[in-house]
Amino acid sequence: MIVDTDAGSDDLLAIAFLLSRPDIHVEAITIVNGMAHVPAGGRNVLRLLALAGRHDVRVYLGRETPLSGNGEFPAELRRNSDDLTGVTLPEPTRAIESQPAAEFLARRLAELAHPVQVLTLGPLTNLAEAFSHMPRSVRAIRQLVILGGAVRAPGNLAEGGAFKTDNAAAEWNMFIDPTAAKTVFASGAPIRLVPLDATQRVPIDMALFEQIQRKAETPVARFVAQVLATNRDSIRQGFYFAWDPLAAVALVNPAVATFRPLAIEISQKAQELGRTTETKGRRANAQVAIDADRLRFRDIFMTALGVR
């Protein structure tokens, strides 16, 4: 499988889960502009791979801007993602690949004899750029799991008060690059969308956090405990959810969520830019998670980390 990520802390939790599964082969990780700045995100992913002893996973950097517009996460969130304060990781043991992420994806996904699963954890810039360069590349995707959107749930742009907006419908990953999201949803790829509708059903609470802290024995499990510790206040207040980790678990075991076939469009209107709209009367272009099983998620996630 290939992971496309903007290297936020919850992205790294999802990657840590996948690296802990012996039945999952992460072939490459591509870095997209989003929570972390692309160079910093690439470096942090290399550091996590070094911690996990995964020197075989190649890392590619994407462009540092959306395909259109100038959307970006609040500066404080980006700084936290770049710096990973409170988290201990080793220095990278190797370099980033020289090939741009979109070029790698376009060529790799065109290999019809070698189908691959793709997990996207940030804006869809890299994938849309790859599809634009080589439209037939969608044919090698066995499953495209996308973390993002808010279909029947409210958006999250204003959560935490760091970003002032009247757009109450959009979710961040779609808002940052709605042009890219529109391209991907029109591509014909076999999409499983994991939106806020499902992730809000899977809170990470203090009991789960304390269990991981208490039982973490491997380097990767201890890393997960450190990341959660930096979000202790949000966890205690009930504002921290298994966003990206749920998408990773859903790729491994789709039964963790309740999926429904829906026709999804991405709004390009200024007042609701990036809104994930369910369109009635049209052919479904995605399997959409409208609910999730909190207990099943915990069992799968914690078993992989060895903290049950």
Protein backbone atom coordinates (compact mmCIF):
# COMPACT_ATOMS: atom_id res chain seq x y z
CA MET A 1 0.00 0.00 0.00
CA ILE A 2 0.91 3.69 -0.35
CA VAL A 3 0.17 6.38 2.24
CA ASP A 4 -0.31 10.01 1.18
CA THR A 5 -0.09 12.22 4.26
CA ASP A 6 0.24 15.81 5.43
CA ALA A 7 2.13 14.53 8.49
CA GLY A 8 -0.03 15.91 11.26
CA SER A 9 0.30 14.14 14.59
CA ASP A 10 -2.82 12.03 14.02
CA ASP A 11 -1.45 11.05 10.59
CA LEU A 12 1.65 9.74 12.34
CA LEU A 13 -0.56 7.70 14.68
CA ALA A 14 -2.19 6.10 11.64
CA ILE A 15 1.19 5.37 10.06
CA ALA A 16 2.46 3.93 13.35
CA PHE A 17 -0.52 1.56 13.38
CA LEU A 18 0.19 0.39 9.82
CA LEU A 19 3.89 -0.09 10.53
CA SER A 20 2.92 -2.28 13.49
CA ARG A 21 0.90 -4.67 11.32
CA PRO A 22 3.03 -7.51 9.91
CA ASP A 23 0.37 -8.21 7.28
CA ILE A 24 0.62 -4.70 5.80
CA HIS A 25 3.40 -3.75 3.39
CA VAL A 26 3.80 0.03 3.21
CA GLU A 27 5.62 0.51 -0.08
CA ALA A 28 5.96 4.29 -0.06
CA ILE A 29 4.78 7.43 1.74
CA THR A 30 4.10 10.65 -0.15
CA ILE A 31 3.94 14.00 1.63
CA VAL A 32 1.22 16.48 0.75
CA ASN A 33 0.90 20.13 1.75
CA GLY A 34 -1.41 20.47 4.74
CA MET A 35 -0.91 20.28 8.49
CA ALA A 36 2.88 20.18 8.27
CA HIS A 37 4.91 22.05 5.72
CA VAL A 38 6.04 19.53 3.12
CA PRO A 39 9.81 19.45 3.92
CA ALA A 40 9.20 19.19 7.67
CA GLY A 41 6.53 16.55 7.16
CA GLY A 42 8.88 14.48 5.04
CA ARG A 43 11.62 14.70 7.64
CA ASN A 44 9.27 13.66 10.46
CA VAL A 45 8.00 10.67 8.48
CA LEU A 46 11.60 9.59 7.84
CA ARG A 47 12.25 9.89 11.57
CA LEU A 48 9.25 7.68 12.37
CA LEU A 49 10.41 5.12 9.81
CA ALA A 50 13.86 5.13 11.42
CA LEU A 51 12.26 4.51 14.82
CA ALA A 52 10.31 1.58 13.39
CA GLY A 53 13.37 0.18 11.62
CA ARG A 54 11.60 0.48 8.26
CA HIS A 55 14.43 1.54 5.98
CA ASP A 56 12.67 0.02 2.96
CA VAL A 57 9.83 2.56 2.78
CA ARG A 58 10.51 5.34 0.30
CA VAL A 59 9.36 8.92 0.99
CA TYR A 60 8.46 11.45 -1.71
CA LEU A 61 7.63 15.16 -1.38
CA GLY A 62 4.70 16.86 -3.10
CA ARG A 63 4.17 20.47 -4.09
CA GLU A 64 3.96 23.08 -1.33
CA THR A 65 0.75 24.76 -2.51
CA PRO A 66 -2.78 23.64 -3.41
CA LEU A 67 -3.68 23.14 -7.08
CA SER A 68 -5.68 26.36 -6.81
CA GLY A 69 -6.29 29.01 -4.19
CA ASN A 70 -4.22 29.68 -1.09
CA GLY A 71 -5.99 27.70 1.63
CA GLU A 72 -3.85 26.59 4.56
CA PHE A 73 -4.16 25.42 8.14
CA PRO A 74 -3.68 27.99 10.96
CA ALA A 75 -0.01 28.84 11.58
CA GLU A 76 0.03 27.44 15.13
CA LEU A 77 -1.24 24.04 14.00
CA ARG A 78 1.34 23.95 11.24
CA ARG A 79 4.14 24.88 13.64
CA ASN A 80 3.11 22.12 16.05
CA SER A 81 3.07 19.60 13.20
CA ASP A 82 6.49 20.74 11.96
CA ASP A 83 8.15 20.70 15.38
CA LEU A 84 6.42 17.72 17.08
CA THR A 85 7.24 19.26 20.46
CA GLY A 86 7.14 16.68 23.26
CA VAL A 87 7.83 13.77 20.92
CA THR A 88 11.17 11.97 20.75
CA LEU A 89 12.26 10.59 17.39
CA PRO A 90 15.68 9.65 16.02
CA GLU A 91 17.37 11.55 13.24
CA PRO A 92 16.64 10.32 9.70
CA THR A 93 18.99 7.63 8.46
CA ARG A 94 18.49 8.35 4.76
CA ALA A 95 17.36 10.98 2.29
CA ILE A 96 14.04 11.87 0.69
CA GLU A 97 13.60 10.49 -2.84
CA SER A 98 14.38 13.04 -5.57
CA GLN A 99 11.34 12.20 -7.70
CA PRO A 100 8.30 14.46 -7.00
CA ALA A 101 5.39 12.74 -5.26
CA ALA A 102 2.86 13.29 -8.06
CA GLU A 103 5.26 11.91 -10.66
CA PHE A 104 5.93 8.82 -8.53
CA LEU A 105 2.21 8.26 -7.96
CA ALA A 106 1.31 8.69 -11.62
CA ARG A 107 3.88 6.13 -12.72
CA ARG A 108 3.33 3.66 -9.86
CA LEU A 109 -0.45 3.70 -10.09
CA ALA A 110 -0.26 3.05 -13.83
CA GLU A 111 1.31 -0.37 -13.18
CA LEU A 112 -1.79 -2.44 -13.84
CA ALA A 113 0.05 -5.69 -13.14
CA HIS A 114 0.76 -4.51 -9.58
CA PRO A 115 -2.46 -3.11 -8.03
CA VAL A 116 -2.09 -1.17 -4.83
CA GLN A 117 -4.18 0.23 -2.00
CA VAL A 118 -3.86 3.95 -1.28
CA LEU A 119 -4.62 5.74 1.99
CA THR A 120 -4.87 9.54 1.91
CA LEU A 121 -4.70 11.40 5.22
CA GLY A 122 -4.51 15.01 4.05
CA PRO A 123 -5.61 17.23 1.16
CA LEU A 124 -5.82 15.41 -2.17
CA THR A 125 -3.32 17.55 -4.08
CA ASN A 126 -0.76 14.85 -4.87
CA LEU A 127 -3.32 12.32 -6.06
CA ALA A 128 -5.21 14.84 -8.21
CA GLU A 129 -1.98 16.00 -9.81
CA ALA A 130 -1.05 12.38 -10.55
CA PHE A 131 -4.48 11.68 -12.09
CA SER A 132 -4.21 14.82 -14.21
CA HIS A 133 -0.82 13.74 -15.56
CA MET A 134 -1.89 10.14 -16.18
CA PRO A 135 -5.68 9.54 -15.99
CA ARG A 136 -5.33 5.78 -16.47
CA SER A 137 -3.37 5.59 -13.22
CA VAL A 138 -6.65 5.13 -11.31
CA ARG A 139 -6.98 1.66 -12.83
CA ALA A 140 -4.24 0.16 -10.62
CA ILE A 141 -5.87 1.34 -7.40
CA ARG A 142 -7.52 -1.60 -5.67
CA GLN A 143 -8.92 0.61 -2.91
CA LEU A 144 -8.60 4.33 -2.22
CA VAL A 145 -9.39 5.17 1.41
CA ILE A 146 -9.77 8.92 1.99
CA LEU A 147 -9.84 10.59 5.40
CA GLY A 148 -11.80 13.79 5.00
CA GLY A 149 -15.08 15.50 4.39
CA ALA A 150 -18.25 15.99 6.40
CA VAL A 151 -21.31 14.62 4.65
CA ARG A 152 -24.14 14.77 7.17
CA ALA A 153 -22.05 16.10 10.05
CA PRO A 154 -21.00 19.76 10.51
CA GLY A 155 -17.59 20.87 9.25
CA ASN A 156 -14.62 21.55 11.50
CA LEU A 157 -12.95 24.71 10.19
CA ALA A 158 -13.92 26.80 13.21
CA GLU A 159 -13.13 24.21 15.89
CA GLY A 160 -10.70 25.51 18.50
CA GLY A 161 -11.21 29.12 17.40
CA ALA A 162 -7.89 29.36 15.53
CA PHE A 163 -9.59 30.03 12.19
CA LYS A 164 -12.37 32.58 11.71
CA THR A 165 -14.88 31.58 9.05
CA ASP A 166 -18.58 31.47 8.22
CA ASN A 167 -18.07 28.16 6.40
CA ALA A 168 -19.70 25.69 8.78
CA ALA A 169 -19.95 22.83 6.28
CA ALA A 170 -16.41 22.04 5.13
CA GLU A 171 -13.76 19.76 6.63
CA TRP A 172 -10.12 20.85 6.54
CA ASN A 173 -8.67 18.32 4.10
CA MET A 174 -11.29 19.17 1.47
CA PHE A 175 -11.17 22.90 2.20
CA ILE A 176 -7.42 23.25 1.67
CA ASP A 177 -7.60 22.02 -1.94
CA PRO A 178 -11.20 21.65 -3.15
CA THR A 179 -10.07 21.59 -6.78
CA ALA A 180 -7.95 18.53 -6.08
CA ALA A 181 -10.79 16.87 -4.16
CA LYS A 182 -13.19 17.47 -7.06
CA THR A 183 -10.72 15.86 -9.47
CA VAL A 184 -10.28 12.76 -7.29
CA PHE A 185 -14.00 12.19 -6.73
CA ALA A 186 -14.61 12.49 -10.48
CA SER A 187 -11.76 10.10 -11.33
CA GLY A 188 -13.62 6.81 -11.12
CA ALA A 189 -11.26 5.46 -8.45
CA PRO A 190 -12.79 2.92 -6.00
CA ILE A 191 -13.17 5.31 -3.07
CA ARG A 192 -13.94 4.57 0.56
CA LEU A 193 -14.50 7.92 2.27
CA VAL A 194 -14.06 8.19 6.05
CA PRO A 195 -15.54 11.60 6.96
CA LEU A 196 -16.23 13.37 10.25
CA ASP A 197 -19.56 11.53 10.35
CA ALA A 198 -17.62 8.38 11.29
CA THR A 199 -14.57 9.76 13.10
CA GLN A 200 -16.75 11.62 15.61
CA ARG A 201 -18.07 8.23 16.72
CA VAL A 202 -14.60 7.16 17.82
CA PRO A 203 -13.28 9.38 20.62
CA ILE A 204 -9.90 8.73 22.20
CA ASP A 205 -10.60 9.15 25.90
CA MET A 206 -8.42 9.24 29.02
CA ALA A 207 -8.92 5.54 29.76
CA LEU A 208 -7.57 4.57 26.34
CA PHE A 209 -4.70 7.07 26.60
CA GLU A 210 -3.69 5.82 30.05
CA GLN A 211 -3.83 2.19 28.93
CA ILE A 212 -1.52 2.94 26.01
CA GLN A 213 0.84 4.87 28.29
CA ARG A 214 0.91 2.08 30.83
CA LYS A 215 1.40 -0.84 28.44
CA ALA A 216 3.51 0.65 25.65
CA GLU A 217 6.65 -1.46 25.34
CA THR A 218 7.79 -1.17 21.72
CA PRO A 219 9.40 2.01 20.33
CA VAL A 220 6.41 2.62 18.06
CA ALA A 221 3.88 2.13 20.88
CA ARG A 222 5.85 4.53 23.09
CA PHE A 223 5.82 7.04 20.23
CA VAL A 224 2.02 6.77 20.06
CA ALA A 225 1.82 7.36 23.81
CA GLN A 226 3.99 10.48 23.47
CA VAL A 227 1.85 11.89 20.67
CA LEU A 228 -1.30 11.36 22.71
CA ALA A 229 0.37 12.97 25.74
CA THR A 230 0.88 16.17 23.74
CA ASN A 231 -2.90 16.20 23.20
CA ARG A 232 -3.78 15.37 26.81
CA ASP A 233 -5.92 18.48 27.35
CA SER A 234 -8.07 17.81 24.27
CA ILE A 235 -8.44 14.16 25.29
CA ARG A 236 -9.48 15.12 28.82
CA GLN A 237 -12.03 17.61 27.47
CA GLY A 238 -13.51 15.06 25.05
CA PHE A 239 -12.37 16.87 21.89
CA TYR A 240 -9.89 14.31 20.54
CA PHE A 241 -10.99 11.68 18.05
CA ALA A 242 -9.40 8.86 16.04
CA TRP A 243 -9.45 10.81 12.78
CA ASP A 244 -6.62 9.40 10.67
CA PRO A 245 -6.22 6.19 12.71
CA LEU A 246 -9.84 5.25 11.95
CA ALA A 247 -9.16 5.61 8.22
CA ALA A 248 -6.08 3.37 8.54
CA VAL A 249 -8.06 0.75 10.46
CA ALA A 250 -10.88 0.96 7.91
CA LEU A 251 -8.41 0.15 5.14
CA VAL A 252 -7.32 -2.97 7.02
CA ASN A 253 -10.80 -3.94 8.23
CA PRO A 254 -13.72 -2.10 6.55
CA ALA A 255 -16.12 -3.71 9.05
CA VAL A 256 -14.98 -1.11 11.61
CA ALA A 257 -17.33 1.35 9.90
CA THR A 258 -20.77 1.34 8.31
CA PHE A 259 -20.39 2.25 4.64
CA ARG A 260 -23.12 3.40 2.25
CA PRO A 261 -22.80 4.06 -1.51
CA LEU A 262 -23.30 7.80 -2.10
CA ALA A 263 -22.78 10.29 -4.90
CA ILE A 264 -20.34 12.87 -3.53
CA GLU A 265 -19.49 16.26 -4.97
CA ILE A 266 -17.04 18.85 -3.62
CA SER A 267 -18.43 22.37 -3.55
CA GLN A 268 -16.39 25.11 -5.22
CA LYS A 269 -18.67 27.91 -3.97
CA ALA A 270 -16.89 30.54 -1.89
CA GLN A 271 -19.34 30.45 1.02
CA GLU A 272 -19.08 26.66 1.40
CA LEU A 273 -15.76 25.93 -0.28
CA GLY A 274 -14.77 22.29 0.11
CA ARG A 275 -18.15 21.13 1.36
CA THR A 276 -18.67 17.39 0.83
CA THR A 277 -22.13 17.26 -0.71
CA GLU A 278 -24.29 14.16 -1.02
CA THR A 279 -26.11 14.42 -4.36
CA LYS A 280 -29.38 12.55 -4.68
CA GLY A 281 -30.37 10.80 -7.89
CA ARG A 282 -26.85 10.34 -9.22
CA ARG A 283 -24.67 7.26 -9.48
CA ALA A 284 -22.59 6.63 -6.36
CA ASN A 285 -18.88 7.43 -6.69
CA ALA A 286 -17.85 6.48 -3.15
CA GLN A 287 -18.57 4.14 -0.28
CA VAL A 288 -19.03 6.56 2.61
CA ALA A 289 -18.62 5.75 6.30
CA ILE A 290 -21.67 7.15 8.04
CA ASP A 291 -20.93 5.46 11.38
CA ALA A 292 -18.10 3.59 13.11
CA ASP A 293 -17.69 0.96 15.80
CA ARG A 294 -15.69 2.48 18.64
CA LEU A 295 -14.98 -0.80 20.42
CA ARG A 296 -13.92 -2.64 17.27
CA PHE A 297 -11.57 0.22 16.39
CA ARG A 298 -9.95 0.09 19.82
CA ASP A 299 -9.48 -3.67 19.64
CA ILE A 300 -7.81 -3.55 16.21
CA PHE A 301 -5.69 -0.46 16.93
CA MET A 302 -4.45 -1.55 20.35
CA THR A 303 -3.80 -5.14 19.30
CA ALA A 304 -1.50 -3.89 16.54
CA LEU A 305 0.44 -1.76 19.03
CA GLY A 306 0.60 -4.56 21.60
CA VAL A 307 -1.06 -2.50 24.33
CA ARG A 308 -4.20 -4.53 25.07
